[in-house]
Protein backbone atom coordinates (compact mmCIF):
# COMPACT_ATOMS: atom_id res chain seq x y z
CA UNK A 1 -15.54 18.01 3.67
CA UNK A 2 -11.87 17.58 3.26
CA UNK A 3 -11.95 14.06 4.57
CA UNK A 4 -14.67 13.32 1.89
CA UNK A 5 -12.57 14.81 -0.81
CA UNK A 6 -9.61 12.70 0.31
CA UNK A 7 -11.55 9.63 0.55
CA UNK A 8 -12.81 10.15 -3.03
CA UNK A 9 -9.46 10.94 -4.37
CA UNK A 10 -7.83 7.88 -2.86
CA UNK A 11 -10.64 5.85 -4.62
CA UNK A 12 -10.22 7.49 -7.97
CA UNK A 13 -6.32 7.22 -7.72
CA UNK A 14 -6.44 3.36 -6.68
CA UNK A 15 -8.72 2.80 -9.53
CA UNK A 16 -7.24 5.03 -12.28
CA UNK A 17 -3.84 6.21 -11.26
CA UNK A 18 -2.94 9.90 -10.16
CA UNK A 19 -2.22 11.06 -13.64
CA UNK A 20 -5.72 10.03 -14.78
CA UNK A 21 -7.76 11.82 -12.20
CA UNK A 22 -8.70 15.46 -12.80
CA UNK A 23 -9.94 17.93 -10.29
CA UNK A 24 -13.42 17.89 -12.24
CA UNK A 25 -13.48 14.14 -11.59
CA UNK A 26 -12.90 14.76 -8.08
CA UNK A 27 -15.57 17.60 -7.92
CA UNK A 28 -18.04 15.23 -9.44
CA UNK A 29 -17.20 12.55 -6.98
CA UNK A 30 -18.06 14.71 -4.00
CA UNK A 31 -20.84 16.62 -5.41
CA UNK A 32 -18.96 20.05 -5.48
CA UNK A 33 -18.49 22.67 -8.34
CA UNK A 34 -14.71 22.56 -9.32
CA UNK A 35 -14.11 26.13 -8.29
CA UNK A 36 -15.53 25.02 -4.70
CA UNK A 37 -13.10 22.22 -4.61
CA UNK A 38 -10.07 24.61 -4.69
CA UNK A 39 -11.23 25.92 -1.25
CA UNK A 40 -10.21 22.53 0.35
CA UNK A 41 -7.36 21.34 -1.93
CA UNK A 42 -5.36 24.04 -3.80
CA UNK A 43 -3.57 21.99 -6.35
CA UNK A 44 -2.36 18.43 -7.43
CA UNK A 45 0.72 18.79 -5.15
CA UNK A 46 -1.29 19.38 -2.16
CA UNK A 47 -3.63 16.45 -3.12
CA UNK A 48 -0.78 14.15 -3.62
CA UNK A 49 0.86 14.95 -0.33
CA UNK A 50 -2.39 14.60 1.59
CA UNK A 51 -2.85 11.22 -0.05
CA UNK A 52 0.57 10.12 1.03
CA UNK A 53 0.12 11.36 4.66
CA UNK A 54 -3.35 9.52 4.71
CA UNK A 55 -1.61 6.33 3.24
CA UNK A 56 0.76 6.33 6.29
CA UNK A 57 -1.62 7.24 8.92
CA UNK A 58 -4.39 4.93 7.60
CA UNK A 59 -2.41 1.86 6.82
CA UNK A 60 0.97 2.12 8.91
CA UNK A 61 -0.78 1.49 12.25
CA UNK A 62 -2.43 -1.57 10.65
CA UNK A 63 1.05 -3.02 9.86
CA UNK A 64 2.73 -1.95 13.09
CA UNK A 65 -0.12 -3.75 14.95
CA UNK A 66 0.83 -6.87 13.16
CA UNK A 67 4.60 -6.31 13.87
CA UNK A 68 3.78 -6.19 17.66
CA UNK A 69 1.64 -9.27 17.85
CA UNK A 70 2.91 -12.15 19.93
CA UNK A 71 2.87 -14.78 17.12
CA UNK A 72 5.34 -16.30 14.46
CA UNK A 73 6.87 -14.17 11.76
CA UNK A 74 5.24 -16.56 9.14
CA UNK A 75 1.80 -15.73 10.66
CA UNK A 76 2.60 -11.93 10.66
CA UNK A 77 3.43 -12.03 7.00
CA UNK A 78 -0.03 -14.00 6.52
CA UNK A 79 -1.68 -11.14 8.38
CA UNK A 80 0.06 -8.48 6.38
CA UNK A 81 -1.08 -10.42 3.20
CA UNK A 82 -4.45 -10.49 4.49
CA UNK A 83 -4.35 -6.66 4.71
CA UNK A 84 -3.58 -6.42 1.08
CA UNK A 85 -6.08 -9.02 0.14
CA UNK A 86 -8.83 -7.16 2.10
CA UNK A 87 -7.66 -4.06 0.12
CA UNK A 88 -8.20 -5.91 -3.18
CA UNK A 89 -11.42 -7.33 -2.28
CA UNK A 90 -12.65 -3.83 -1.47
CA UNK A 91 -11.15 -2.44 -4.77
CA UNK A 92 -8.76 -0.47 -2.88
CA UNK A 93 -5.30 -1.61 -3.86
CA UNK A 94 -2.15 -0.25 -2.43
CA UNK A 95 -2.18 3.46 -2.71
CA UNK A 96 1.47 3.82 -2.63
CA UNK A 97 1.66 1.54 -5.67
CA UNK A 98 -0.85 3.84 -7.46
CA UNK A 99 1.03 6.97 -6.61
CA UNK A 100 4.33 5.42 -7.44
CA UNK A 101 3.06 4.56 -10.95
CA UNK A 102 3.31 8.18 -11.74
CA UNK A 103 6.49 9.05 -9.98
CA UNK A 104 7.77 11.03 -13.15
CA UNK A 105 5.02 13.41 -12.67
CA UNK A 106 5.47 13.95 -8.86
CA UNK A 107 7.45 16.98 -7.54
CA UNK A 108 10.52 16.60 -5.67
CA UNK A 109 8.78 17.05 -2.26
CA UNK A 110 5.98 14.56 -3.31
CA UNK A 111 8.51 11.88 -4.49
CA UNK A 112 10.60 12.39 -1.21
CA UNK A 113 7.52 11.91 0.82
CA UNK A 114 6.46 8.82 -1.02
CA UNK A 115 10.03 7.28 -0.74
CA UNK A 116 9.90 8.08 3.14
CA UNK A 117 6.40 6.28 3.24
CA UNK A 118 7.69 3.40 1.34
CA UNK A 119 10.81 3.07 3.62
CA UNK A 120 8.50 3.15 6.70
CA UNK A 121 6.48 0.12 5.43
CA UNK A 122 9.73 -1.48 4.31
CA UNK A 123 11.15 -1.05 7.80
CA UNK A 124 8.14 -2.64 9.53
CA UNK A 125 8.22 -5.64 7.27
CA UNK A 126 11.93 -6.02 7.68
CA UNK A 127 11.30 -6.36 11.52
CA UNK A 128 9.14 -9.35 10.75
CA UNK A 129 11.93 -10.66 8.43
CA UNK A 130 14.51 -10.27 11.27
CA UNK A 131 12.26 -11.77 13.76
CA UNK A 132 11.83 -15.04 11.43
CA UNK A 133 15.51 -15.34 10.76
CA UNK A 134 16.18 -14.79 14.49
CA UNK A 135 13.67 -17.45 15.55
CA UNK A 136 14.29 -19.81 12.79
CA UNK A 137 10.82 -19.59 11.32
CA UNK A 138 11.67 -17.91 7.96
CA UNK A 139 14.50 -18.85 5.58
CA UNK A 140 15.38 -16.26 2.92
CA UNK A 141 18.40 -14.98 1.15
CA UNK A 142 19.80 -11.37 1.59
CA UNK A 143 19.04 -9.06 4.48
CA UNK A 144 15.77 -8.51 6.16
CA UNK A 145 15.40 -5.13 4.36
CA UNK A 146 15.80 -6.81 0.87
CA UNK A 147 13.34 -9.50 1.79
CA UNK A 148 10.86 -7.03 3.11
CA UNK A 149 11.20 -5.03 -0.25
CA UNK A 150 10.59 -8.26 -2.18
CA UNK A 151 7.64 -9.12 -0.21
CA UNK A 152 6.17 -5.66 -0.33
CA UNK A 153 6.55 -5.54 -4.29
CA UNK A 154 5.12 -9.00 -4.44
CA UNK A 155 2.07 -8.03 -2.65
CA UNK A 156 1.57 -4.87 -4.67
CA UNK A 157 2.26 -6.75 -7.87
CA UNK A 158 -0.03 -9.49 -7.02
CA UNK A 159 -2.79 -7.05 -6.47
CA UNK A 160 -2.26 -5.66 -9.79
CA UNK A 161 -2.06 -9.03 -11.61
CA UNK A 162 -5.22 -10.38 -9.87
CA UNK A 163 -7.00 -7.24 -10.86
CA UNK A 164 -5.81 -7.62 -14.51
CA UNK A 165 -6.79 -11.34 -14.60
CA UNK A 166 -10.02 -10.80 -12.89
CA UNK A 167 -9.14 -13.40 -10.33
CA UNK A 168 -9.44 -11.65 -6.96
CA UNK A 169 -9.59 -14.97 -5.23
CA UNK A 170 -6.25 -15.96 -6.61
CA UNK A 171 -4.45 -13.44 -4.28
CA UNK A 172 -4.80 -15.43 -1.02
CA UNK A 173 -3.48 -18.68 -2.70
CA UNK A 174 -0.37 -17.02 -4.40
CA UNK A 175 0.49 -15.07 -1.55
CA UNK A 176 0.14 -18.35 0.74
CA UNK A 177 2.43 -20.08 -1.72
CA UNK A 178 5.20 -17.36 -1.50
CA UNK A 179 5.02 -17.34 2.37
CA UNK A 180 4.90 -21.21 2.67
CA UNK A 181 7.96 -21.27 0.40
CA UNK A 182 10.01 -19.30 2.92
CA UNK A 183 8.48 -20.57 6.18
CA UNK A 184 10.46 -23.16 8.14
CA UNK A 185 8.05 -25.87 9.74
CA UNK A 186 8.90 -25.89 13.48
């Protein structure tokens, strides 16, 4: 039941933001009475921490698999963008962005966990940028970490912008335009 609750919570947070989701919304989504829900999730802090962990364990391995692929850095960036595009198509944008939108309401522990999750993603993406610089397939200004942070923010922002404009299909072209702008033809 806890997995069902977390799945529903993730979906609600991705569509509304953490601060707009109530325990009654969550109970309704999983077909429980609100008091019964508290047997599984005690409070919003516990829910937030479980969602951050879920984000890392659900998406982290996908990104790590891309990093480990035997292909060019530009191709890896396209594959990462594809993961974000798939999330957008499924109406499941980046959970980290959804949680980060309410940073001011997170506890110090939750804020710290979210920062660590973000650093993990940036670190994985930085490995792709470092590979690209080393093999000469990517040309960018700054450190691989700075480029990775900008890339991550671009993907999150592009998801938001495409949703706001109602143009989900625009994501792929816009992400490709960015990647093509830093890719060096071999």
